[in-house]
Protein backbone atom coordinates (compact mmCIF):
# COMPACT_ATOMS: atom_id res chain seq x y z
CA MET A 1 0.00 0.00 0.00
CA ARG A 2 1.14 3.54 -0.70
CA ILE A 3 -0.03 6.68 1.13
CA ALA A 4 0.26 10.15 -0.43
CA ILE A 5 0.32 13.27 1.74
CA PRO A 6 0.51 16.86 0.45
CA ALA A 7 3.63 18.14 2.19
CA GLU A 8 5.61 21.24 3.00
CA ASP A 9 8.51 21.22 5.45
CA GLY A 10 7.46 17.80 6.76
CA LYS A 11 3.93 18.93 7.61
CA ILE A 12 0.59 18.24 5.97
CA PHE A 13 0.00 21.08 3.52
CA SER A 14 -3.49 22.42 3.03
CA PRO A 15 -5.36 22.95 0.80
CA PHE A 16 -4.70 19.80 -1.21
CA THR A 17 -5.06 21.47 -4.61
CA GLU A 18 -2.27 23.97 -3.88
CA ALA A 19 0.31 21.40 -2.75
CA LYS A 20 3.68 21.81 -4.41
CA ALA A 21 4.86 18.36 -3.29
CA PHE A 22 3.57 15.03 -2.02
CA THR A 23 5.34 12.65 0.32
CA LEU A 24 4.65 9.03 -0.61
CA TYR A 25 4.89 6.39 2.11
CA ASN A 26 5.25 2.70 1.31
CA LEU A 27 3.69 0.34 3.82
CA ASP A 28 4.45 -3.28 4.56
CA GLY A 29 1.62 -4.46 6.76
CA ASN A 30 1.38 -2.04 9.68
CA THR A 31 4.79 -0.46 9.15
CA VAL A 32 6.04 2.44 7.05
CA VAL A 33 9.09 1.03 5.26
CA SER A 34 10.12 3.94 3.04
CA SER A 35 9.14 7.37 1.81
CA VAL A 36 9.93 9.70 -1.06
CA THR A 37 8.80 13.25 -1.85
CA ILE A 38 7.77 14.17 -5.38
CA PRO A 39 6.89 17.59 -6.86
CA SER A 40 3.30 18.15 -7.94
CA PHE A 41 3.83 20.66 -10.78
CA GLY A 42 0.38 22.11 -9.98
CA GLY A 43 -2.61 21.72 -12.25
CA SER A 44 -6.25 20.87 -11.88
CA GLU A 45 -7.81 18.43 -9.43
CA GLU A 46 -7.82 15.84 -12.19
CA ASP A 47 -4.11 16.49 -12.93
CA LEU A 48 -3.20 15.96 -9.27
CA ALA A 49 -5.30 12.79 -9.11
CA ARG A 50 -3.60 11.43 -12.25
CA LEU A 51 -0.17 12.29 -10.79
CA LEU A 52 -0.95 10.35 -7.62
CA ARG A 53 -2.40 7.41 -9.57
CA SER A 54 0.78 7.29 -11.70
CA ALA A 55 2.77 7.33 -8.44
CA ARG A 56 0.69 4.28 -7.38
CA ALA A 57 -0.96 6.00 -4.41
CA ASP A 58 -3.81 4.06 -2.81
CA VAL A 59 -4.68 6.57 -0.08
CA VAL A 60 -4.45 10.34 0.37
CA ILE A 61 -4.29 11.84 3.86
CA CYS A 62 -4.82 15.59 3.71
CA GLY A 63 -6.19 18.70 5.36
CA GLY A 64 -8.68 20.72 3.32
CA VAL A 65 -9.82 19.18 0.06
CA THR A 66 -12.40 20.29 -2.47
CA ALA A 67 -15.32 18.15 -3.51
CA ALA A 68 -13.91 18.17 -7.07
CA ALA A 69 -10.56 16.80 -5.85
CA ARG A 70 -12.28 14.11 -3.76
CA ARG A 71 -14.33 13.13 -6.79
CA ALA A 72 -11.26 13.03 -9.11
CA LEU A 73 -9.29 10.91 -6.64
CA GLY A 74 -12.25 8.60 -6.01
CA GLU A 75 -12.78 8.04 -9.73
CA LEU A 76 -9.21 6.71 -9.90
CA GLY A 77 -9.72 4.44 -6.90
CA ILE A 78 -7.74 6.54 -4.42
CA ALA A 79 -9.29 6.71 -0.92
CA VAL A 80 -9.29 10.17 0.68
CA TYR A 81 -8.90 10.87 4.40
CA PRO A 82 -9.39 14.64 4.85
CA GLY A 83 -9.27 16.79 7.92
CA PHE A 84 -5.74 16.18 9.18
CA GLY A 85 -2.89 18.49 10.13
CA GLY A 86 0.48 18.04 11.77
CA LYS A 87 3.54 16.07 10.72
CA CYS A 88 3.33 13.87 7.64
CA ASP A 89 5.40 11.12 9.27
CA ASP A 90 3.04 10.99 12.26
CA ALA A 91 -0.06 10.77 10.05
CA ALA A 92 1.45 8.00 7.92
CA ALA A 93 2.53 6.01 10.99
CA ALA A 94 -0.90 6.43 12.60
CA PHE A 95 -2.64 5.24 9.45
CA ALA A 96 -0.27 2.28 9.07
CA SER A 97 -0.78 1.18 12.66
CA GLY A 98 -4.57 1.44 12.38
CA ALA A 99 -4.74 4.31 14.89
CA PHE A 100 -7.38 5.93 12.72
CA SER A 101 -9.68 4.47 10.16
CA HIS A 102 -11.82 7.40 9.10
CA ALA A 103 -11.36 11.13 9.31
CA HIS A 104 -14.21 13.51 10.03
CA ASP A 105 -16.22 13.94 6.84
CA CYS A 106 -16.18 17.66 6.11
CA ALA A 107 -19.26 17.24 3.93
CA SER A 108 -21.28 16.64 7.11
CA CYS A 109 -20.29 20.00 8.65
CA THR A 110 -22.96 22.65 8.73
CA GLU A 111 -20.87 25.80 9.23
CA ASN A 112 -19.00 27.55 6.42
CA CYS A 113 -18.03 24.35 4.63
CA GLY A 114 -18.42 23.33 1.06
CA GLU A 115 -16.19 23.22 -2.01
CA GLY A 116 -13.14 24.54 -0.15
CA GLY A 117 -13.37 21.99 2.64
CA CYS A 118 -14.06 22.76 6.25
CA HIS A 119 -12.78 26.11 7.50
CA HIS A 120 -12.61 25.37 11.20
CA ASP A 121 -10.73 23.02 13.47
CA HIS A 122 -12.73 20.17 14.96
CA GLY A 123 -9.76 18.78 16.85
CA ALA A 124 -7.75 15.63 16.27
CA GLY A 125 -9.17 13.72 13.36
CA GLY A 126 -11.60 16.50 12.57
CA CYS A 127 -11.67 19.10 9.85
CA TYR A 128 -8.46 21.04 9.72
CA TYR A 129 -8.21 23.55 6.92
């Protein structure tokens, strides 16, 4: 399995569509075994989704993400876990170990959310834009 995280200076970069790089984590069972950072070269939601598919990403862990990006990733079979902040390494290790299985779904928020993702912090595992 391979996890992709939009990254800047080792932290989860948000919003997803403005990421200039992605850190890719390779998992073996419940362990992160390697990582590499690749440039994104910008582009549309579909361009970013195609980049991550070509990089063999299975999962994206991110902060804010648009509905269009979620749709583009989903159409290529990439699962999206939005609403996270903090260090990329910590998020990848937590996912690998099964410490979280589903992030807060920003689409269920009722305050100031929508295409740009959630704009308020719901705490650990919640929306973090």
